[in-house]
Amino acid sequence: MDHAQVIQEKLKLDQEFRAYVAEHGFDYAQYCAPTPGSWYESYRKRVKALEDQMLTKLEYWKPSN
């Protein structure tokens, strides 16, 4: 998937999240620690997969020996 497709997928996912919250309300506890198989768990996994493609990985400073 190219960068533009990833962004479009993320925007679509954001719309799904807003629609879900509008229909079911926002559950902070479920959002932070979703139960296995829940909508929030699926959402967070999908967001993480997209963000992994969108964001640059940080490389931490390592001392030279």
PDB file of N, CA and C in Angstrom:
ATOM      1  N   MET A   1       0.843  -1.176   0.000  1.00  0.00           N
ATOM      2  CA  MET A   1       0.000   0.000   0.000  1.00  0.00           C
ATOM      3  C   MET A   1       0.889   1.241   0.000  1.00  0.00           C
ATOM      4  N   ASP A   2       0.608   2.187  -0.884  1.00  0.00           N
ATOM      5  CA  ASP A   2       1.412   3.401  -0.888  1.00  0.00           C
ATOM      6  C   ASP A   2       0.901   4.375   0.183  1.00  0.00           C
ATOM      7  N   HIS A   3       1.665   5.430   0.384  1.00  0.00           N
ATOM      8  CA  HIS A   3       1.387   6.366   1.473  1.00  0.00           C
ATOM      9  C   HIS A   3      -0.006   6.989   1.351  1.00  0.00           C
ATOM     10  N   ALA A   4      -0.425   7.349   0.155  1.00  0.00           N
ATOM     11  CA  ALA A   4      -1.745   7.956  -0.056  1.00  0.00           C
ATOM     12  C   ALA A   4      -2.858   6.969   0.306  1.00  0.00           C
ATOM     13  N   GLN A   5      -2.682   5.705  -0.036  1.00  0.00           N
ATOM     14  CA  GLN A   5      -3.680   4.692   0.297  1.00  0.00           C
ATOM     15  C   GLN A   5      -3.766   4.488   1.808  1.00  0.00           C
ATOM     16  N   VAL A   6      -2.623   4.507   2.473  1.00  0.00           N
ATOM     17  CA  VAL A   6      -2.597   4.338   3.924  1.00  0.00           C
ATOM     18  C   VAL A   6      -3.338   5.501   4.586  1.00  0.00           C
ATOM     19  N   ILE A   7      -3.107   6.709   4.106  1.00  0.00           N
ATOM     20  CA  ILE A   7      -3.789   7.875   4.662  1.00  0.00           C
ATOM     21  C   ILE A   7      -5.297   7.764   4.436  1.00  0.00           C
ATOM     22  N   GLN A   8      -5.715   7.366   3.252  1.00  0.00           N
ATOM     23  CA  GLN A   8      -7.143   7.201   2.971  1.00  0.00           C
ATOM     24  C   GLN A   8      -7.764   6.141   3.877  1.00  0.00           C
ATOM     25  N   GLU A   9      -7.038   5.058   4.100  1.00  0.00           N
ATOM     26  CA  GLU A   9      -7.529   3.996   4.985  1.00  0.00           C
ATOM     27  C   GLU A   9      -7.653   4.511   6.420  1.00  0.00           C
ATOM     28  N   LYS A  10      -6.689   5.310   6.853  1.00  0.00           N
ATOM     29  CA  LYS A  10      -6.737   5.890   8.212  1.00  0.00           C
ATOM     30  C   LYS A  10      -7.914   6.845   8.340  1.00  0.00           C
ATOM     31  N   LEU A  11      -8.183   7.661   7.330  1.00  0.00           N
ATOM     32  CA  LEU A  11      -9.327   8.566   7.363  1.00  0.00           C
ATOM     33  C   LEU A  11     -10.645   7.777   7.420  1.00  0.00           C
ATOM     34  N   LYS A  12     -10.711   6.702   6.671  1.00  0.00           N
ATOM     35  CA  LYS A  12     -11.900   5.843   6.694  1.00  0.00           C
ATOM     36  C   LYS A  12     -12.084   5.241   8.082  1.00  0.00           C
ATOM     37  N   LEU A  13     -11.007   4.797   8.683  1.00  0.00           N
ATOM     38  CA  LEU A  13     -11.054   4.219  10.024  1.00  0.00           C
ATOM     39  C   LEU A  13     -11.493   5.259  11.050  1.00  0.00           C
ATOM     40  N   ASP A  14     -11.026   6.492  10.902  1.00  0.00           N
ATOM     41  CA  ASP A  14     -11.448   7.574  11.791  1.00  0.00           C
ATOM     42  C   ASP A  14     -12.949   7.819  11.679  1.00  0.00           C
ATOM     43  N   GLN A  15     -13.483   7.742  10.476  1.00  0.00           N
ATOM     44  CA  GLN A  15     -14.933   7.905  10.277  1.00  0.00           C
ATOM     45  C   GLN A  15     -15.703   6.761  10.943  1.00  0.00           C
ATOM     46  N   GLU A  16     -15.186   5.545  10.826  1.00  0.00           N
ATOM     47  CA  GLU A  16     -15.821   4.397  11.476  1.00  0.00           C
ATOM     48  C   GLU A  16     -15.839   4.591  12.989  1.00  0.00           C
ATOM     49  N   PHE A  17     -14.738   5.114  13.533  1.00  0.00           N
ATOM     50  CA  PHE A  17     -14.657   5.337  14.973  1.00  0.00           C
ATOM     51  C   PHE A  17     -15.707   6.360  15.416  1.00  0.00           C
ATOM     52  N   ARG A  18     -15.797   7.475  14.686  1.00  0.00           N
ATOM     53  CA  ARG A  18     -16.784   8.503  15.039  1.00  0.00           C
ATOM     54  C   ARG A  18     -18.203   7.938  14.960  1.00  0.00           C
ATOM     55  N   ALA A  19     -18.495   7.143  13.943  1.00  0.00           N
ATOM     56  CA  ALA A  19     -19.823   6.545  13.796  1.00  0.00           C
ATOM     57  C   ALA A  19     -20.109   5.574  14.946  1.00  0.00           C
ATOM     58  N   TYR A  20     -19.118   4.774  15.316  1.00  0.00           N
ATOM     59  CA  TYR A  20     -19.293   3.823  16.412  1.00  0.00           C
ATOM     60  C   TYR A  20     -19.572   4.560  17.719  1.00  0.00           C
ATOM     61  N   VAL A  21     -18.802   5.599  17.994  1.00  0.00           N
ATOM     62  CA  VAL A  21     -18.981   6.367  19.229  1.00  0.00           C
ATOM     63  C   VAL A  21     -20.334   7.078  19.227  1.00  0.00           C
ATOM     64  N   ALA A  22     -20.750   7.601  18.089  1.00  0.00           N
ATOM     65  CA  ALA A  22     -22.049   8.269  17.999  1.00  0.00           C
ATOM     66  C   ALA A  22     -23.183   7.292  18.305  1.00  0.00           C
ATOM     67  N   GLU A  23     -23.024   6.044  17.877  1.00  0.00           N
ATOM     68  CA  GLU A  23     -24.076   5.049  18.081  1.00  0.00           C
ATOM     69  C   GLU A  23     -24.030   4.413  19.468  1.00  0.00           C
ATOM     70  N   HIS A  24     -22.816   4.114  19.959  1.00  0.00           N
ATOM     71  CA  HIS A  24     -22.669   3.341  21.194  1.00  0.00           C
ATOM     72  C   HIS A  24     -22.131   4.142  22.376  1.00  0.00           C
ATOM     73  N   GLY A  25     -21.676   5.350  22.140  1.00  0.00           N
ATOM     74  CA  GLY A  25     -21.028   6.115  23.203  1.00  0.00           C
ATOM     75  C   GLY A  25     -19.564   5.718  23.307  1.00  0.00           C
ATOM     76  N   PHE A  26     -18.795   6.531  24.002  1.00  0.00           N
ATOM     77  CA  PHE A  26     -17.365   6.265  24.151  1.00  0.00           C
ATOM     78  C   PHE A  26     -17.113   5.604  25.494  1.00  0.00           C
ATOM     79  N   ASP A  27     -16.419   4.493  25.489  1.00  0.00           N
ATOM     80  CA  ASP A  27     -16.069   3.754  26.700  1.00  0.00           C
ATOM     81  C   ASP A  27     -14.549   3.845  26.884  1.00  0.00           C
ATOM     82  N   TYR A  28     -14.132   4.737  27.766  1.00  0.00           N
ATOM     83  CA  TYR A  28     -12.699   4.984  27.956  1.00  0.00           C
ATOM     84  C   TYR A  28     -11.972   3.724  28.418  1.00  0.00           C
ATOM     85  N   ALA A  29     -12.581   2.985  29.327  1.00  0.00           N
ATOM     86  CA  ALA A  29     -11.930   1.768  29.841  1.00  0.00           C
ATOM     87  C   ALA A  29     -11.710   0.761  28.712  1.00  0.00           C
ATOM     88  N   GLN A  30     -12.709   0.580  27.856  1.00  0.00           N
ATOM     89  CA  GLN A  30     -12.568  -0.341  26.729  1.00  0.00           C
ATOM     90  C   GLN A  30     -11.549   0.168  25.709  1.00  0.00           C
ATOM     91  N   TYR A  31     -11.513   1.471  25.536  1.00  0.00           N
ATOM     92  CA  TYR A  31     -10.557   2.054  24.597  1.00  0.00           C
ATOM     93  C   TYR A  31      -9.124   1.813  25.069  1.00  0.00           C
ATOM     94  N   CYS A  32      -8.901   1.994  26.363  1.00  0.00           N
ATOM     95  CA  CYS A  32      -7.539   1.839  26.918  1.00  0.00           C
ATOM     96  C   CYS A  32      -7.127   0.380  27.057  1.00  0.00           C
ATOM     97  N   ALA A  33      -8.052  -0.460  27.478  1.00  0.00           N
ATOM     98  CA  ALA A  33      -7.750  -1.882  27.692  1.00  0.00           C
ATOM     99  C   ALA A  33      -8.905  -2.714  27.142  1.00  0.00           C
ATOM    100  N   PRO A  34      -8.985  -2.849  25.821  1.00  0.00           N
ATOM    101  CA  PRO A  34     -10.122  -3.547  25.212  1.00  0.00           C
ATOM    102  C   PRO A  34     -10.134  -5.039  25.538  1.00  0.00           C
ATOM    103  N   THR A  35     -11.325  -5.562  25.672  1.00  0.00           N
ATOM    104  CA  THR A  35     -11.447  -6.997  25.890  1.00  0.00           C
ATOM    105  C   THR A  35     -11.213  -7.721  24.562  1.00  0.00           C
ATOM    106  N   PRO A  36     -10.660  -8.931  24.636  1.00  0.00           N
ATOM    107  CA  PRO A  36     -10.388  -9.684  23.409  1.00  0.00           C
ATOM    108  C   PRO A  36     -11.657  -9.884  22.581  1.00  0.00           C
ATOM    109  N   GLY A  37     -11.540  -9.625  21.295  1.00  0.00           N
ATOM    110  CA  GLY A  37     -12.655  -9.804  20.384  1.00  0.00           C
ATOM    111  C   GLY A  37     -13.604  -8.616  20.296  1.00  0.00           C
ATOM    112  N   SER A  38     -13.349  -7.577  21.083  1.00  0.00           N
ATOM    113  CA  SER A  38     -14.243  -6.417  21.071  1.00  0.00           C
ATOM    114  C   SER A  38     -13.974  -5.526  19.860  1.00  0.00           C
ATOM    115  N   TRP A  39     -14.923  -4.642  19.598  1.00  0.00           N
ATOM    116  CA  TRP A  39     -14.773  -3.697  18.502  1.00  0.00           C
ATOM    117  C   TRP A  39     -13.546  -2.827  18.741  1.00  0.00           C
ATOM    118  N   TYR A  40     -13.356  -2.390  19.987  1.00  0.00           N
ATOM    119  CA  TYR A  40     -12.216  -1.531  20.309  1.00  0.00           C
ATOM    120  C   TYR A  40     -10.889  -2.247  20.060  1.00  0.00           C
ATOM    121  N   GLU A  41     -10.818  -3.533  20.375  1.00  0.00           N
ATOM    122  CA  GLU A  41      -9.577  -4.269  20.126  1.00  0.00           C
ATOM    123  C   GLU A  41      -9.274  -4.301  18.623  1.00  0.00           C
ATOM    124  N   SER A  42     -10.279  -4.597  17.830  1.00  0.00           N
ATOM    125  CA  SER A  42     -10.106  -4.638  16.382  1.00  0.00           C
ATOM    126  C   SER A  42      -9.685  -3.272  15.851  1.00  0.00           C
ATOM    127  N   TYR A  43     -10.352  -2.235  16.328  1.00  0.00           N
ATOM    128  CA  TYR A  43     -10.033  -0.864  15.906  1.00  0.00           C
ATOM    129  C   TYR A  43      -8.586  -0.526  16.234  1.00  0.00           C
ATOM    130  N   ARG A  44      -8.167  -0.790  17.459  1.00  0.00           N
ATOM    131  CA  ARG A  44      -6.800  -0.439  17.868  1.00  0.00           C
ATOM    132  C   ARG A  44      -5.750  -1.207  17.080  1.00  0.00           C
ATOM    133  N   LYS A  45      -6.020  -2.474  16.776  1.00  0.00           N
ATOM    134  CA  LYS A  45      -5.074  -3.259  15.965  1.00  0.00           C
ATOM    135  C   LYS A  45      -4.956  -2.673  14.566  1.00  0.00           C
ATOM    136  N   ARG A  46      -6.098  -2.290  13.983  1.00  0.00           N
ATOM    137  CA  ARG A  46      -6.090  -1.717  12.637  1.00  0.00           C
ATOM    138  C   ARG A  46      -5.363  -0.373  12.625  1.00  0.00           C
ATOM    139  N   VAL A  47      -5.600   0.462  13.649  1.00  0.00           N
ATOM    140  CA  VAL A  47      -4.921   1.757  13.741  1.00  0.00           C
ATOM    141  C   VAL A  47      -3.417   1.540  13.860  1.00  0.00           C
ATOM    142  N   LYS A  48      -3.005   0.615  14.715  1.00  0.00           N
ATOM    143  CA  LYS A  48      -1.573   0.363  14.904  1.00  0.00           C
ATOM    144  C   LYS A  48      -0.921  -0.107  13.603  1.00  0.00           C
ATOM    145  N   ALA A  49      -1.600  -0.971  12.872  1.00  0.00           N
ATOM    146  CA  ALA A  49      -1.044  -1.458  11.607  1.00  0.00           C
ATOM    147  C   ALA A  49      -0.854  -0.313  10.615  1.00  0.00           C
ATOM    148  N   LEU A  50      -1.821   0.590  10.554  1.00  0.00           N
ATOM    149  CA  LEU A  50      -1.699   1.735   9.650  1.00  0.00           C
ATOM    150  C   LEU A  50      -0.617   2.701  10.119  1.00  0.00           C
ATOM    151  N   GLU A  51      -0.585   2.967  11.417  1.00  0.00           N
ATOM    152  CA  GLU A  51       0.418   3.896  11.940  1.00  0.00           C
ATOM    153  C   GLU A  51       1.829   3.347  11.769  1.00  0.00           C
ATOM    154  N   ASP A  52       1.973   2.041  11.867  1.00  0.00           N
ATOM    155  CA  ASP A  52       3.289   1.435  11.635  1.00  0.00           C
ATOM    156  C   ASP A  52       3.777   1.701  10.216  1.00  0.00           C
ATOM    157  N   GLN A  53       2.845   1.795   9.279  1.00  0.00           N
ATOM    158  CA  GLN A  53       3.205   2.086   7.895  1.00  0.00           C
ATOM    159  C   GLN A  53       3.428   3.581   7.675  1.00  0.00           C
ATOM    160  N   MET A  54       2.713   4.420   8.438  1.00  0.00           N
ATOM    161  CA  MET A  54       2.759   5.865   8.229  1.00  0.00           C
ATOM    162  C   MET A  54       3.934   6.542   8.939  1.00  0.00           C
ATOM    163  N   LEU A  55       4.259   6.051  10.115  1.00  0.00           N
ATOM    164  CA  LEU A  55       5.230   6.743  10.953  1.00  0.00           C
ATOM    165  C   LEU A  55       6.630   6.183  10.791  1.00  0.00           C
ATOM    166  N   THR A  56       7.599   7.047  10.915  1.00  0.00           N
ATOM    167  CA  THR A  56       8.995   6.650  10.857  1.00  0.00           C
ATOM    168  C   THR A  56       9.386   6.046  12.201  1.00  0.00           C
ATOM    169  N   LYS A  57      10.058   4.939  12.145  1.00  0.00           N
ATOM    170  CA  LYS A  57      10.514   4.300  13.375  1.00  0.00           C
ATOM    171  C   LYS A  57      11.649   5.116  13.983  1.00  0.00           C
ATOM    172  N   LEU A  58      11.585   5.292  15.282  1.00  0.00           N
ATOM    173  CA  LEU A  58      12.641   6.016  15.976  1.00  0.00           C
ATOM    174  C   LEU A  58      13.797   5.068  16.250  1.00  0.00           C
ATOM    175  N   GLU A  59      14.987   5.567  16.057  1.00  0.00           N
ATOM    176  CA  GLU A  59      16.162   4.804  16.431  1.00  0.00           C
ATOM    177  C   GLU A  59      16.785   5.509  17.614  1.00  0.00           C
ATOM    178  N   TYR A  60      16.913   4.783  18.678  1.00  0.00           N
ATOM    179  CA  TYR A  60      17.419   5.374  19.901  1.00  0.00           C
ATOM    180  C   TYR A  60      18.930   5.472  19.870  1.00  0.00           C
ATOM    181  N   TRP A  61      19.434   6.448  20.569  1.00  0.00           N
ATOM    182  CA  TRP A  61      20.859   6.671  20.642  1.00  0.00           C
ATOM    183  C   TRP A  61      21.500   5.480  21.337  1.00  0.00           C
ATOM    184  N   LYS A  62      22.582   5.022  20.757  1.00  0.00           N
ATOM    185  CA  LYS A  62      23.325   3.905  21.337  1.00  0.00           C
ATOM    186  C   LYS A  62      24.759   4.373  21.518  1.00  0.00           C
ATOM    187  N   PRO A  63      25.299   4.211  22.701  1.00  0.00           N
ATOM    188  CA  PRO A  63      26.675   4.655  22.915  1.00  0.00           C
ATOM    189  C   PRO A  63      27.653   3.818  22.101  1.00  0.00           C
ATOM    190  N   SER A  64      28.676   4.446  21.611  1.00  0.00           N
ATOM    191  CA  SER A  64      29.717   3.704  20.892  1.00  0.00           C
ATOM    192  C   SER A  64      30.737   3.222  21.915  1.00  0.00           C
ATOM    193  N   ASN A  65      31.112   2.010  21.780  1.00  0.00           N
ATOM    194  CA  ASN A  65      32.062   1.431  22.748  1.00  0.00           C
ATOM    195  C   ASN A  65      33.456   1.470  22.226  1.00  0.00           C
TER     196      ASN A  65
END
